[in-house]
Amino acid sequence: MTSLLLWVLGRPGMIAGTSGLLDRLIIVFSVLPGFYIAALAAIATFNRPDIDTVMPSPSPTLNVDIGGHENKIELTRRRFLAYLFAFLCWESFALLILCVFAGLTAQGLFSVLGSLASYGKWVFIFGLLCLFWQLVFATGLGLYYLGDRLNRPEY
């Protein structure tokens, strides 16, 4: 949906130009890892016994290979949040690097792609915005879980 809005309502230079989408996303993606690392540190040191209990049913599980045997592990709240914020930190780093290199190589890629450059640009924008919205919604999930679900008593 966001890609469609940019396609219909966008201006020339809105993607890789000065103050374009990539420049603005670089600013966002360069700030986020610090917040995710701080959340990860808080989760790791959070001193509350019920954070280490298995999440309520249906609890999410991981398949982990231990000693050549696959084991299904039910997640605790601490492990779930640690995985979530570690993933978000990694994703924000990856998106930062992607935006920086896309901005630096855009002109060269356009010349290599030739007539396909317009399609390639919109495929890139669609993929980038899908990852951006994934980051936004997963951050919302993490904040909701930290702010509400973690502090809600079990009944």
Protein backbone atom coordinates (compact mmCIF):
# COMPACT_ATOMS: atom_id res chain seq x y z
CA MET A 1 0.00 0.00 0.00
CA THR A 2 2.79 2.41 0.89
CA SER A 3 4.57 1.61 -2.37
CA LEU A 4 1.40 2.37 -4.29
CA LEU A 5 1.03 5.73 -2.51
CA LEU A 6 4.62 6.61 -3.38
CA TRP A 7 4.10 5.58 -6.98
CA VAL A 8 0.95 7.65 -7.39
CA LEU A 9 1.77 10.66 -5.22
CA GLY A 10 5.58 10.67 -5.29
CA ARG A 11 7.83 13.37 -6.67
CA PRO A 12 11.03 13.01 -8.73
CA GLY A 13 14.03 12.24 -6.53
CA MET A 14 11.86 11.02 -3.68
CA ILE A 15 13.72 7.73 -3.30
CA ALA A 16 17.46 8.34 -3.56
CA GLY A 17 17.49 12.13 -3.84
CA THR A 18 18.46 14.60 -1.17
CA SER A 19 15.96 14.32 1.71
CA GLY A 20 14.45 11.36 -0.10
CA LEU A 21 13.09 8.16 1.36
CA LEU A 22 16.49 6.47 1.70
CA ASP A 23 18.02 9.45 3.52
CA ARG A 24 15.15 9.53 5.99
CA LEU A 25 15.14 5.77 6.55
CA ILE A 26 18.90 5.83 7.17
CA ILE A 27 18.30 8.23 10.05
CA VAL A 28 15.59 6.00 11.53
CA PHE A 29 17.57 2.78 11.08
CA SER A 30 20.71 4.28 12.60
CA VAL A 31 18.90 5.20 15.83
CA LEU A 32 16.86 2.02 16.37
CA PRO A 33 19.63 -0.50 17.20
CA GLY A 34 20.50 1.41 20.36
CA PHE A 35 16.94 1.17 21.61
CA TYR A 36 16.73 -2.51 20.76
CA ILE A 37 20.02 -3.24 22.55
CA ALA A 38 18.79 -1.33 25.61
CA ALA A 39 15.56 -3.36 25.59
CA LEU A 40 17.57 -6.55 25.22
CA ALA A 41 19.76 -5.60 28.19
CA ALA A 42 16.70 -4.78 30.28
CA ILE A 43 15.08 -8.11 29.43
CA ALA A 44 18.26 -10.04 30.20
CA THR A 45 18.57 -8.43 33.65
CA PHE A 46 14.88 -8.15 34.52
CA ASN A 47 14.56 -9.61 38.02
CA ARG A 48 11.14 -11.18 38.19
CA PRO A 49 10.60 -14.94 38.60
CA ASP A 50 7.55 -15.26 36.34
CA ILE A 51 9.47 -13.98 33.31
CA ASP A 52 11.23 -17.34 33.21
CA THR A 53 8.04 -19.41 33.16
CA VAL A 54 6.82 -20.93 29.91
CA MET A 55 4.44 -18.69 27.99
CA PRO A 56 0.72 -19.53 28.24
CA SER A 57 -0.79 -22.08 25.89
CA PRO A 58 -0.43 -22.20 22.96
CA SER A 59 3.16 -21.32 23.75
CA PRO A 60 5.52 -20.74 20.83
CA THR A 61 8.19 -23.40 20.36
CA LEU A 62 11.61 -23.63 18.77
CA ASN A 63 13.18 -26.67 17.20
CA VAL A 64 16.77 -26.76 18.45
CA ASP A 65 19.43 -29.25 17.41
CA ILE A 66 21.27 -30.39 20.56
CA GLY A 67 23.84 -33.17 20.24
CA GLY A 68 22.47 -34.28 16.87
CA HIS A 69 18.94 -34.60 18.19
CA GLU A 70 16.18 -32.16 17.39
CA ASN A 71 14.44 -30.91 20.53
CA LYS A 72 11.30 -28.83 20.75
CA ILE A 73 11.68 -26.07 23.34
CA GLU A 74 8.71 -24.07 24.62
CA LEU A 75 9.62 -20.40 24.95
CA THR A 76 9.67 -18.46 28.18
CA ARG A 77 8.76 -14.79 28.16
CA ARG A 78 12.40 -13.81 28.62
CA ARG A 79 13.60 -15.97 25.73
CA PHE A 80 10.75 -14.80 23.47
CA LEU A 81 11.51 -11.13 24.11
CA ALA A 82 15.26 -11.67 23.81
CA TYR A 83 14.82 -13.35 20.42
CA LEU A 84 12.38 -10.65 19.30
CA PHE A 85 14.59 -7.68 20.20
CA ALA A 86 17.75 -9.39 18.94
CA PHE A 87 15.99 -9.97 15.61
CA LEU A 88 14.80 -6.36 15.50
CA CYS A 89 18.31 -5.10 16.22
CA TRP A 90 19.71 -7.29 13.44
CA GLU A 91 16.97 -6.24 11.01
CA SER A 92 17.54 -2.54 11.67
CA PHE A 93 21.29 -2.98 11.03
CA ALA A 94 20.56 -4.89 7.81
CA LEU A 95 18.09 -2.24 6.62
CA LEU A 96 20.57 0.53 7.44
CA ILE A 97 23.27 -1.17 5.36
CA LEU A 98 20.79 -1.86 2.55
CA CYS A 99 19.68 1.79 2.42
CA VAL A 100 23.24 3.14 2.52
CA PHE A 101 24.41 0.90 -0.32
CA ALA A 102 21.23 1.45 -2.32
CA GLY A 103 21.74 5.19 -2.14
CA LEU A 104 25.37 4.87 -3.20
CA THR A 105 24.78 2.45 -6.07
CA ALA A 106 21.42 3.65 -7.42
CA GLN A 107 22.79 5.53 -10.45
CA GLY A 108 25.13 2.69 -11.43
CA LEU A 109 22.35 0.11 -11.11
CA PHE A 110 20.01 2.22 -13.22
CA SER A 111 22.57 2.31 -16.03
CA VAL A 112 23.15 -1.46 -15.80
CA LEU A 113 19.44 -2.32 -15.73
CA GLY A 114 18.60 -0.01 -18.62
CA SER A 115 14.92 -0.18 -19.50
CA LEU A 116 14.23 -2.44 -16.51
CA ALA A 117 15.45 0.23 -14.06
CA SER A 118 11.96 1.57 -13.36
CA TYR A 119 10.65 -1.91 -12.51
CA GLY A 120 13.72 -2.72 -10.46
CA LYS A 121 13.32 0.48 -8.48
CA TRP A 122 9.73 -0.34 -7.55
CA VAL A 123 10.56 -3.95 -6.68
CA PHE A 124 13.29 -2.63 -4.38
CA ILE A 125 10.95 -0.07 -2.82
CA PHE A 126 8.25 -2.70 -2.29
CA GLY A 127 10.72 -5.07 -0.59
CA LEU A 128 12.25 -2.30 1.50
CA LEU A 129 8.87 -1.06 2.69
CA CYS A 130 7.70 -4.61 3.50
CA LEU A 131 10.74 -5.02 5.74
CA PHE A 132 10.20 -1.56 7.22
CA TRP A 133 6.58 -2.31 8.14
CA GLN A 134 7.62 -5.69 9.54
CA LEU A 135 10.07 -3.84 11.77
CA VAL A 136 7.38 -1.38 12.86
CA PHE A 137 4.78 -4.05 13.70
CA ALA A 138 7.28 -6.35 15.44
CA THR A 139 8.47 -3.37 17.49
CA GLY A 140 4.85 -2.71 18.41
CA LEU A 141 4.48 -6.34 19.48
CA GLY A 142 7.60 -6.11 21.62
CA LEU A 143 6.48 -2.87 23.25
CA TYR A 144 3.00 -4.25 23.90
CA TYR A 145 4.45 -7.40 25.41
CA LEU A 146 6.90 -5.44 27.59
CA GLY A 147 4.33 -2.88 28.67
CA ASP A 148 1.26 -5.03 29.20
CA ARG A 149 1.60 -8.78 28.82
CA LEU A 150 4.77 -9.06 30.89
CA ASN A 151 3.10 -7.35 33.83
CA ARG A 152 -0.29 -9.02 33.57
CA PRO A 153 -0.89 -11.66 36.28
CA GLU A 154 -1.63 -15.23 35.20
CA TYR A 155 -5.13 -16.47 35.96
